[in-house]
Amino acid sequence: MSKYSFETIEQMLLKCVAEGGEPELGFRLRSAQYMIIAYADRCSFQRCADEAGANASGERYFATLRELYGAPQIDGRSLEELWSETDDFYCFDFEP
């Protein structure tokens, strides 16, 4: 079970953006690594390369973090449906 709600993560990301940053939040879900990047005008989501350097996806862009959260991402399921399975959060811009 995730130790951070999406709402908590969203607030932290938006605070960093308001302070002029572009925070990159990495996390693990179902043994794969993912990244959310928040920008002033949008956000992106992508699967990171595995240990062998393969299986990375391209960035998908969304107008808001809420849109990203509700959109189908992984095997047709949204982060909203899968969030409780997230683990190992890391972000250099804040300590979740």
PDB file of N, CA and C in Angstrom:
ATOM      1  N   MET A   1       0.831  -1.180   0.000  1.00  0.00           N
ATOM      2  CA  MET A   1       0.000   0.000   0.000  1.00  0.00           C
ATOM      3  C   MET A   1       0.878   1.246   0.000  1.00  0.00           C
ATOM      4  N   SER A   2       0.499   2.214  -0.830  1.00  0.00           N
ATOM      5  CA  SER A   2       1.251   3.457  -0.912  1.00  0.00           C
ATOM      6  C   SER A   2       1.197   4.200   0.416  1.00  0.00           C
ATOM      7  N   LYS A   3       2.340   4.742   0.825  1.00  0.00           N
ATOM      8  CA  LYS A   3       2.342   5.500   2.077  1.00  0.00           C
ATOM      9  C   LYS A   3       2.030   6.968   1.848  1.00  0.00           C
ATOM     10  N   TYR A   4       1.846   7.383   0.593  1.00  0.00           N
ATOM     11  CA  TYR A   4       1.504   8.761   0.263  1.00  0.00           C
ATOM     12  C   TYR A   4       0.283   8.778  -0.640  1.00  0.00           C
ATOM     13  N   SER A   5      -0.698   9.564  -0.275  1.00  0.00           N
ATOM     14  CA  SER A   5      -1.869   9.699  -1.136  1.00  0.00           C
ATOM     15  C   SER A   5      -1.482  10.499  -2.374  1.00  0.00           C
ATOM     16  N   PHE A   6      -2.252  10.331  -3.427  1.00  0.00           N
ATOM     17  CA  PHE A   6      -1.992  11.131  -4.614  1.00  0.00           C
ATOM     18  C   PHE A   6      -2.160  12.614  -4.292  1.00  0.00           C
ATOM     19  N   GLU A   7      -3.114  12.945  -3.460  1.00  0.00           N
ATOM     20  CA  GLU A   7      -3.354  14.338  -3.103  1.00  0.00           C
ATOM     21  C   GLU A   7      -2.131  14.956  -2.432  1.00  0.00           C
ATOM     22  N   THR A   8      -1.469  14.208  -1.573  1.00  0.00           N
ATOM     23  CA  THR A   8      -0.251  14.692  -0.915  1.00  0.00           C
ATOM     24  C   THR A   8       0.850  14.924  -1.944  1.00  0.00           C
ATOM     25  N   ILE A   9       1.061  13.962  -2.817  1.00  0.00           N
ATOM     26  CA  ILE A   9       2.083  14.083  -3.866  1.00  0.00           C
ATOM     27  C   ILE A   9       1.756  15.259  -4.785  1.00  0.00           C
ATOM     28  N   GLU A  10       0.488  15.374  -5.171  1.00  0.00           N
ATOM     29  CA  GLU A  10       0.062  16.472  -6.039  1.00  0.00           C
ATOM     30  C   GLU A  10       0.382  17.822  -5.403  1.00  0.00           C
ATOM     31  N   GLN A  11       0.079  17.995  -4.121  1.00  0.00           N
ATOM     32  CA  GLN A  11       0.364  19.248  -3.426  1.00  0.00           C
ATOM     33  C   GLN A  11       1.854  19.555  -3.426  1.00  0.00           C
ATOM     34  N   MET A  12       2.678  18.545  -3.187  1.00  0.00           N
ATOM     35  CA  MET A  12       4.130  18.738  -3.167  1.00  0.00           C
ATOM     36  C   MET A  12       4.647  19.143  -4.555  1.00  0.00           C
ATOM     37  N   LEU A  13       4.161  18.456  -5.595  1.00  0.00           N
ATOM     38  CA  LEU A  13       4.584  18.781  -6.957  1.00  0.00           C
ATOM     39  C   LEU A  13       4.166  20.202  -7.331  1.00  0.00           C
ATOM     40  N   LEU A  14       2.918  20.554  -7.042  1.00  0.00           N
ATOM     41  CA  LEU A  14       2.425  21.882  -7.389  1.00  0.00           C
ATOM     42  C   LEU A  14       3.157  22.977  -6.617  1.00  0.00           C
ATOM     43  N   LYS A  15       3.533  22.709  -5.382  1.00  0.00           N
ATOM     44  CA  LYS A  15       4.314  23.678  -4.599  1.00  0.00           C
ATOM     45  C   LYS A  15       5.672  23.918  -5.263  1.00  0.00           C
ATOM     46  N   CYS A  16       6.322  22.853  -5.701  1.00  0.00           N
ATOM     47  CA  CYS A  16       7.618  22.993  -6.383  1.00  0.00           C
ATOM     48  C   CYS A  16       7.476  23.796  -7.666  1.00  0.00           C
ATOM     49  N   VAL A  17       6.408  23.531  -8.422  1.00  0.00           N
ATOM     50  CA  VAL A  17       6.164  24.270  -9.661  1.00  0.00           C
ATOM     51  C   VAL A  17       5.934  25.744  -9.351  1.00  0.00           C
ATOM     52  N   ALA A  18       5.149  26.039  -8.325  1.00  0.00           N
ATOM     53  CA  ALA A  18       4.877  27.429  -7.935  1.00  0.00           C
ATOM     54  C   ALA A  18       6.156  28.168  -7.543  1.00  0.00           C
ATOM     55  N   GLU A  19       7.150  27.421  -7.059  1.00  0.00           N
ATOM     56  CA  GLU A  19       8.431  28.014  -6.679  1.00  0.00           C
ATOM     57  C   GLU A  19       9.411  28.060  -7.848  1.00  0.00           C
ATOM     58  N   GLY A  20       8.925  27.730  -9.053  1.00  0.00           N
ATOM     59  CA  GLY A  20       9.751  27.832 -10.256  1.00  0.00           C
ATOM     60  C   GLY A  20      10.441  26.551 -10.675  1.00  0.00           C
ATOM     61  N   GLY A  21      10.155  25.443 -10.032  1.00  0.00           N
ATOM     62  CA  GLY A  21      10.804  24.185 -10.377  1.00  0.00           C
ATOM     63  C   GLY A  21      10.026  23.353 -11.384  1.00  0.00           C
ATOM     64  N   GLU A  22      10.657  22.296 -11.845  1.00  0.00           N
ATOM     65  CA  GLU A  22      10.039  21.279 -12.695  1.00  0.00           C
ATOM     66  C   GLU A  22      10.349  19.929 -12.045  1.00  0.00           C
ATOM     67  N   PRO A  23       9.635  19.607 -10.959  1.00  0.00           N
ATOM     68  CA  PRO A  23       9.960  18.401 -10.190  1.00  0.00           C
ATOM     69  C   PRO A  23       9.716  17.116 -10.967  1.00  0.00           C
ATOM     70  N   GLU A  24      10.621  16.178 -10.776  1.00  0.00           N
ATOM     71  CA  GLU A  24      10.532  14.848 -11.374  1.00  0.00           C
ATOM     72  C   GLU A  24      10.317  13.848 -10.252  1.00  0.00           C
ATOM     73  N   LEU A  25       9.135  13.256 -10.222  1.00  0.00           N
ATOM     74  CA  LEU A  25       8.792  12.285  -9.194  1.00  0.00           C
ATOM     75  C   LEU A  25       8.907  10.890  -9.780  1.00  0.00           C
ATOM     76  N   GLY A  26       9.815  10.093  -9.246  1.00  0.00           N
ATOM     77  CA  GLY A  26       9.945   8.699  -9.643  1.00  0.00           C
ATOM     78  C   GLY A  26       9.276   7.811  -8.616  1.00  0.00           C
ATOM     79  N   PHE A  27       8.732   6.701  -9.075  1.00  0.00           N
ATOM     80  CA  PHE A  27       8.129   5.744  -8.161  1.00  0.00           C
ATOM     81  C   PHE A  27       8.078   4.372  -8.815  1.00  0.00           C
ATOM     82  N   ARG A  28       7.875   3.369  -7.980  1.00  0.00           N
ATOM     83  CA  ARG A  28       7.798   1.984  -8.454  1.00  0.00           C
ATOM     84  C   ARG A  28       6.347   1.522  -8.349  1.00  0.00           C
ATOM     85  N   LEU A  29       5.923   0.793  -9.362  1.00  0.00           N
ATOM     86  CA  LEU A  29       4.587   0.230  -9.404  1.00  0.00           C
ATOM     87  C   LEU A  29       4.653  -1.093 -10.149  1.00  0.00           C
ATOM     88  N   ARG A  30       4.254  -2.154  -9.498  1.00  0.00           N
ATOM     89  CA  ARG A  30       4.261  -3.490 -10.115  1.00  0.00           C
ATOM     90  C   ARG A  30       5.632  -3.826 -10.703  1.00  0.00           C
ATOM     91  N   SER A  31       6.663  -3.587  -9.938  1.00  0.00           N
ATOM     92  CA  SER A  31       8.055  -3.896 -10.290  1.00  0.00           C
ATOM     93  C   SER A  31       8.616  -3.066 -11.433  1.00  0.00           C
ATOM     94  N   ALA A  32       7.925  -2.048 -11.879  1.00  0.00           N
ATOM     95  CA  ALA A  32       8.422  -1.165 -12.931  1.00  0.00           C
ATOM     96  C   ALA A  32       8.598   0.238 -12.345  1.00  0.00           C
ATOM     97  N   GLN A  33       9.502   1.002 -12.937  1.00  0.00           N
ATOM     98  CA  GLN A  33       9.775   2.367 -12.503  1.00  0.00           C
ATOM     99  C   GLN A  33       9.042   3.350 -13.422  1.00  0.00           C
ATOM    100  N   TYR A  34       8.421   4.356 -12.832  1.00  0.00           N
ATOM    101  CA  TYR A  34       7.685   5.372 -13.578  1.00  0.00           C
ATOM    102  C   TYR A  34       8.121   6.747 -13.117  1.00  0.00           C
ATOM    103  N   MET A  35       7.816   7.754 -13.944  1.00  0.00           N
ATOM    104  CA  MET A  35       8.166   9.118 -13.595  1.00  0.00           C
ATOM    105  C   MET A  35       7.050  10.062 -14.011  1.00  0.00           C
ATOM    106  N   ILE A  36       6.742  10.987 -13.112  1.00  0.00           N
ATOM    107  CA  ILE A  36       5.843  12.102 -13.393  1.00  0.00           C
ATOM    108  C   ILE A  36       6.692  13.366 -13.319  1.00  0.00           C
ATOM    109  N   ILE A  37       6.578  14.205 -14.336  1.00  0.00           N
ATOM    110  CA  ILE A  37       7.267  15.495 -14.329  1.00  0.00           C
ATOM    111  C   ILE A  37       6.199  16.576 -14.379  1.00  0.00           C
ATOM    112  N   ALA A  38       6.262  17.501 -13.448  1.00  0.00           N
ATOM    113  CA  ALA A  38       5.299  18.599 -13.400  1.00  0.00           C
ATOM    114  C   ALA A  38       5.950  19.865 -13.957  1.00  0.00           C
ATOM    115  N   TYR A  39       5.239  20.510 -14.864  1.00  0.00           N
ATOM    116  CA  TYR A  39       5.671  21.771 -15.471  1.00  0.00           C
ATOM    117  C   TYR A  39       4.640  22.841 -15.125  1.00  0.00           C
ATOM    118  N   ALA A  40       4.940  24.091 -15.411  1.00  0.00           N
ATOM    119  CA  ALA A  40       4.009  25.176 -15.119  1.00  0.00           C
ATOM    120  C   ALA A  40       2.714  25.043 -15.911  1.00  0.00           C
ATOM    121  N   ASP A  41       2.786  24.502 -17.120  1.00  0.00           N
ATOM    122  CA  ASP A  41       1.613  24.464 -17.995  1.00  0.00           C
ATOM    123  C   ASP A  41       1.101  23.062 -18.331  1.00  0.00           C
ATOM    124  N   ARG A  42       1.712  22.028 -17.763  1.00  0.00           N
ATOM    125  CA  ARG A  42       1.307  20.651 -18.070  1.00  0.00           C
ATOM    126  C   ARG A  42       2.090  19.694 -17.177  1.00  0.00           C
ATOM    127  N   CYS A  43       1.884  18.402 -17.379  1.00  0.00           N
ATOM    128  CA  CYS A  43       2.678  17.385 -16.691  1.00  0.00           C
ATOM    129  C   CYS A  43       2.860  16.211 -17.652  1.00  0.00           C
ATOM    130  N   SER A  44       3.817  15.356 -17.344  1.00  0.00           N
ATOM    131  CA  SER A  44       4.055  14.197 -18.194  1.00  0.00           C
ATOM    132  C   SER A  44       4.195  12.937 -17.349  1.00  0.00           C
ATOM    133  N   PHE A  45       3.996  11.810 -18.023  1.00  0.00           N
ATOM    134  CA  PHE A  45       4.084  10.504 -17.386  1.00  0.00           C
ATOM    135  C   PHE A  45       4.836   9.578 -18.327  1.00  0.00           C
ATOM    136  N   GLN A  46       5.723   8.755 -17.751  1.00  0.00           N
ATOM    137  CA  GLN A  46       6.455   7.791 -18.578  1.00  0.00           C
ATOM    138  C   GLN A  46       6.948   6.619 -17.749  1.00  0.00           C
ATOM    139  N   ARG A  47       7.140   5.486 -18.414  1.00  0.00           N
ATOM    140  CA  ARG A  47       7.773   4.324 -17.794  1.00  0.00           C
ATOM    141  C   ARG A  47       9.264   4.453 -18.067  1.00  0.00           C
ATOM    142  N   CYS A  48      10.069   4.275 -17.043  1.00  0.00           N
ATOM    143  CA  CYS A  48      11.525   4.385 -17.158  1.00  0.00           C
ATOM    144  C   CYS A  48      12.115   3.063 -17.627  1.00  0.00           C
ATOM    145  N   ALA A  49      13.304   3.124 -18.168  1.00  0.00           N
ATOM    146  CA  ALA A  49      13.992   1.920 -18.623  1.00  0.00           C
ATOM    147  C   ALA A  49      14.256   0.981 -17.450  1.00  0.00           C
ATOM    148  N   ASP A  50      14.187  -0.311 -17.712  1.00  0.00           N
ATOM    149  CA  ASP A  50      14.480  -1.292 -16.672  1.00  0.00           C
ATOM    150  C   ASP A  50      15.985  -1.447 -16.515  1.00  0.00           C
ATOM    151  N   GLU A  51      16.412  -2.370 -15.673  1.00  0.00           N
ATOM    152  CA  GLU A  51      17.841  -2.554 -15.400  1.00  0.00           C
ATOM    153  C   GLU A  51      18.641  -2.912 -16.643  1.00  0.00           C
ATOM    154  N   ALA A  52      17.987  -3.524 -17.619  1.00  0.00           N
ATOM    155  CA  ALA A  52      18.662  -3.890 -18.859  1.00  0.00           C
ATOM    156  C   ALA A  52      18.667  -2.729 -19.860  1.00  0.00           C
ATOM    157  N   GLY A  53      18.047  -1.605 -19.467  1.00  0.00           N
ATOM    158  CA  GLY A  53      18.003  -0.443 -20.342  1.00  0.00           C
ATOM    159  C   GLY A  53      16.884  -0.505 -21.368  1.00  0.00           C
ATOM    160  N   ALA A  54      15.916  -1.383 -21.174  1.00  0.00           N
ATOM    161  CA  ALA A  54      14.814  -1.552 -22.125  1.00  0.00           C
ATOM    162  C   ALA A  54      13.483  -1.224 -21.458  1.00  0.00           C
ATOM    163  N   ASN A  55      12.433  -1.307 -22.240  1.00  0.00           N
ATOM    164  CA  ASN A  55      11.041  -1.156 -21.802  1.00  0.00           C
ATOM    165  C   ASN A  55      10.637   0.251 -21.409  1.00  0.00           C
ATOM    166  N   ALA A  56      11.401   1.251 -21.775  1.00  0.00           N
ATOM    167  CA  ALA A  56      10.998   2.622 -21.494  1.00  0.00           C
ATOM    168  C   ALA A  56       9.888   3.024 -22.462  1.00  0.00           C
ATOM    169  N   SER A  57       9.047   3.921 -22.016  1.00  0.00           N
ATOM    170  CA  SER A  57       8.010   4.451 -22.888  1.00  0.00           C
ATOM    171  C   SER A  57       8.319   5.908 -23.174  1.00  0.00           C
ATOM    172  N   GLY A  58       7.671   6.466 -24.144  1.00  0.00           N
ATOM    173  CA  GLY A  58       7.790   7.895 -24.383  1.00  0.00           C
ATOM    174  C   GLY A  58       6.949   8.649 -23.376  1.00  0.00           C
ATOM    175  N   GLU A  59       7.189   9.938 -23.288  1.00  0.00           N
ATOM    176  CA  GLU A  59       6.401  10.753 -22.378  1.00  0.00           C
ATOM    177  C   GLU A  59       5.015  10.973 -22.954  1.00  0.00           C
ATOM    178  N   ARG A  60       4.012  10.882 -22.085  1.00  0.00           N
ATOM    179  CA  ARG A  60       2.639  11.248 -22.431  1.00  0.00           C
ATOM    180  C   ARG A  60       2.330  12.512 -21.645  1.00  0.00           C
ATOM    181  N   TYR A  61       1.763  13.503 -22.330  1.00  0.00           N
ATOM    182  CA  TYR A  61       1.504  14.794 -21.694  1.00  0.00           C
ATOM    183  C   TYR A  61       0.033  14.962 -21.341  1.00  0.00           C
ATOM    184  N   PHE A  62      -0.200  15.657 -20.225  1.00  0.00           N
ATOM    185  CA  PHE A  62      -1.538  15.926 -19.727  1.00  0.00           C
ATOM    186  C   PHE A  62      -1.610  17.379 -19.283  1.00  0.00           C
ATOM    187  N   ALA A  63      -2.802  17.961 -19.357  1.00  0.00           N
ATOM    188  CA  ALA A  63      -2.979  19.362 -18.973  1.00  0.00           C
ATOM    189  C   ALA A  63      -2.782  19.563 -17.478  1.00  0.00           C
ATOM    190  N   THR A  64      -3.215  18.577 -16.670  1.00  0.00           N
ATOM    191  CA  THR A  64      -3.115  18.696 -15.215  1.00  0.00           C
ATOM    192  C   THR A  64      -2.728  17.353 -14.596  1.00  0.00           C
ATOM    193  N   LEU A  65      -2.279  17.400 -13.366  1.00  0.00           N
ATOM    194  CA  LEU A  65      -1.976  16.168 -12.642  1.00  0.00           C
ATOM    195  C   LEU A  65      -3.246  15.351 -12.418  1.00  0.00           C
ATOM    196  N   ARG A  66      -4.364  16.006 -12.205  1.00  0.00           N
ATOM    197  CA  ARG A  66      -5.643  15.303 -12.022  1.00  0.00           C
ATOM    198  C   ARG A  66      -6.037  14.546 -13.279  1.00  0.00           C
ATOM    199  N   GLU A  67      -5.819  15.160 -14.449  1.00  0.00           N
ATOM    200  CA  GLU A  67      -6.110  14.481 -15.713  1.00  0.00           C
ATOM    201  C   GLU A  67      -5.221  13.245 -15.862  1.00  0.00           C
ATOM    202  N   LEU A  68      -3.937  13.393 -15.574  1.00  0.00           N
ATOM    203  CA  LEU A  68      -3.006  12.263 -15.628  1.00  0.00           C
ATOM    204  C   LEU A  68      -3.476  11.148 -14.698  1.00  0.00           C
ATOM    205  N   TYR A  69      -3.861  11.491 -13.494  1.00  0.00           N
ATOM    206  CA  TYR A  69      -4.264  10.531 -12.474  1.00  0.00           C
ATOM    207  C   TYR A  69      -5.467   9.698 -12.911  1.00  0.00           C
ATOM    208  N   GLY A  70      -6.402  10.306 -13.619  1.00  0.00           N
ATOM    209  CA  GLY A  70      -7.612   9.616 -14.017  1.00  0.00           C
ATOM    210  C   GLY A  70      -7.553   8.919 -15.361  1.00  0.00           C
ATOM    211  N   ALA A  71      -6.542   9.203 -16.174  1.00  0.00           N
ATOM    212  CA  ALA A  71      -6.455   8.646 -17.528  1.00  0.00           C
ATOM    213  C   ALA A  71      -5.871   7.230 -17.523  1.00  0.00           C
ATOM    214  N   PRO A  72      -6.353   6.372 -18.419  1.00  0.00           N
ATOM    215  CA  PRO A  72      -5.763   5.029 -18.532  1.00  0.00           C
ATOM    216  C   PRO A  72      -4.266   5.124 -18.852  1.00  0.00           C
ATOM    217  N   GLN A  73      -3.439   4.393 -18.090  1.00  0.00           N
ATOM    218  CA  GLN A  73      -1.988   4.462 -18.238  1.00  0.00           C
ATOM    219  C   GLN A  73      -1.345   3.089 -18.420  1.00  0.00           C
ATOM    220  N   ILE A  74      -1.618   2.179 -17.506  1.00  0.00           N
ATOM    221  CA  ILE A  74      -0.907   0.909 -17.420  1.00  0.00           C
ATOM    222  C   ILE A  74      -1.912  -0.218 -17.612  1.00  0.00           C
ATOM    223  N   ASP A  75      -1.727  -0.973 -18.677  1.00  0.00           N
ATOM    224  CA  ASP A  75      -2.661  -2.064 -18.981  1.00  0.00           C
ATOM    225  C   ASP A  75      -4.096  -1.571 -18.993  1.00  0.00           C
ATOM    226  N   GLY A  76      -4.311  -0.350 -19.482  1.00  0.00           N
ATOM    227  CA  GLY A  76      -5.646   0.211 -19.579  1.00  0.00           C
ATOM    228  C   GLY A  76      -6.226   0.711 -18.267  1.00  0.00           C
ATOM    229  N   ARG A  77      -5.427   0.699 -17.214  1.00  0.00           N
ATOM    230  CA  ARG A  77      -5.894   1.147 -15.898  1.00  0.00           C
ATOM    231  C   ARG A  77      -5.257   2.482 -15.535  1.00  0.00           C
ATOM    232  N   SER A  78      -5.961   3.263 -14.758  1.00  0.00           N
ATOM    233  CA  SER A  78      -5.485   4.584 -14.357  1.00  0.00           C
ATOM    234  C   SER A  78      -4.639   4.499 -13.088  1.00  0.00           C
ATOM    235  N   LEU A  79      -3.861   5.547 -12.857  1.00  0.00           N
ATOM    236  CA  LEU A  79      -3.131   5.640 -11.588  1.00  0.00           C
ATOM    237  C   LEU A  79      -4.111   5.708 -10.422  1.00  0.00           C
ATOM    238  N   GLU A  80      -5.270   6.294 -10.651  1.00  0.00           N
ATOM    239  CA  GLU A  80      -6.285   6.345  -9.603  1.00  0.00           C
ATOM    240  C   GLU A  80      -6.643   4.934  -9.135  1.00  0.00           C
ATOM    241  N   GLU A  81      -6.744   3.993 -10.076  1.00  0.00           N
ATOM    242  CA  GLU A  81      -7.063   2.606  -9.732  1.00  0.00           C
ATOM    243  C   GLU A  81      -5.872   1.878  -9.106  1.00  0.00           C
ATOM    244  N   LEU A  82      -4.659   2.257  -9.501  1.00  0.00           N
ATOM    245  CA  LEU A  82      -3.455   1.525  -9.106  1.00  0.00           C
ATOM    246  C   LEU A  82      -2.638   2.190  -7.995  1.00  0.00           C
ATOM    247  N   TRP A  83      -3.008   3.393  -7.596  1.00  0.00           N
ATOM    248  CA  TRP A  83      -2.157   4.178  -6.686  1.00  0.00           C
ATOM    249  C   TRP A  83      -1.794   3.429  -5.409  1.00  0.00           C
ATOM    250  N   SER A  84      -2.689   2.626  -4.888  1.00  0.00           N
ATOM    251  CA  SER A  84      -2.408   1.926  -3.623  1.00  0.00           C
ATOM    252  C   SER A  84      -1.245   0.946  -3.756  1.00  0.00           C
ATOM    253  N   GLU A  85      -0.852   0.603  -4.988  1.00  0.00           N
ATOM    254  CA  GLU A  85       0.251  -0.322  -5.227  1.00  0.00           C
ATOM    255  C   GLU A  85       1.589   0.382  -5.434  1.00  0.00           C
ATOM    256  N   THR A  86       1.602   1.714  -5.434  1.00  0.00           N
ATOM    257  CA  THR A  86       2.852   2.443  -5.667  1.00  0.00           C
ATOM    258  C   THR A  86       3.762   2.353  -4.450  1.00  0.00           C
ATOM    259  N   ASP A  87       5.064   2.469  -4.714  1.00  0.00           N
ATOM    260  CA  ASP A  87       6.054   2.320  -3.655  1.00  0.00           C
ATOM    261  C   ASP A  87       7.332   3.036  -4.069  1.00  0.00           C
ATOM    262  N   ASP A  88       8.245   3.204  -3.141  1.00  0.00           N
ATOM    263  CA  ASP A  88       9.578   3.756  -3.392  1.00  0.00           C
ATOM    264  C   ASP A  88       9.551   5.078  -4.150  1.00  0.00           C
ATOM    265  N   PHE A  89       8.946   6.081  -3.567  1.00  0.00           N
ATOM    266  CA  PHE A  89       8.904   7.406  -4.172  1.00  0.00           C
ATOM    267  C   PHE A  89      10.251   8.092  -4.029  1.00  0.00           C
ATOM    268  N   TYR A  90      10.655   8.842  -5.044  1.00  0.00           N
ATOM    269  CA  TYR A  90      11.855   9.657  -4.931  1.00  0.00           C
ATOM    270  C   TYR A  90      11.703  10.899  -5.798  1.00  0.00           C
ATOM    271  N   CYS A  91      12.155  12.016  -5.256  1.00  0.00           N
ATOM    272  CA  CYS A  91      12.119  13.297  -5.952  1.00  0.00           C
ATOM    273  C   CYS A  91      13.183  14.183  -5.323  1.00  0.00           C
ATOM    274  N   PHE A  92      14.086  14.710  -6.138  1.00  0.00           N
ATOM    275  CA  PHE A  92      15.153  15.552  -5.610  1.00  0.00           C
ATOM    276  C   PHE A  92      14.632  16.886  -5.095  1.00  0.00           C
ATOM    277  N   ASP A  93      13.457  17.330  -5.580  1.00  0.00           N
ATOM    278  CA  ASP A  93      12.929  18.631  -5.220  1.00  0.00           C
ATOM    279  C   ASP A  93      12.199  18.654  -3.891  1.00  0.00           C
ATOM    280  N   PHE A  94      11.825  17.503  -3.377  1.00  0.00           N
ATOM    281  CA  PHE A  94      11.197  17.420  -2.073  1.00  0.00           C
ATOM    282  C   PHE A  94      11.360  16.018  -1.523  1.00  0.00           C
ATOM    283  N   GLU A  95      11.112  15.891  -0.257  1.00  0.00           N
ATOM    284  CA  GLU A  95      11.229  14.584   0.411  1.00  0.00           C
ATOM    285  C   GLU A  95       9.815  14.099   0.711  1.00  0.00           C
ATOM    286  N   PRO A  96       9.265  13.201  -0.141  1.00  0.00           N
ATOM    287  CA  PRO A  96       7.904  12.714   0.138  1.00  0.00           C
ATOM    288  C   PRO A  96       7.884  11.844   1.373  1.00  0.00           C
TER     289      PRO A  96
END
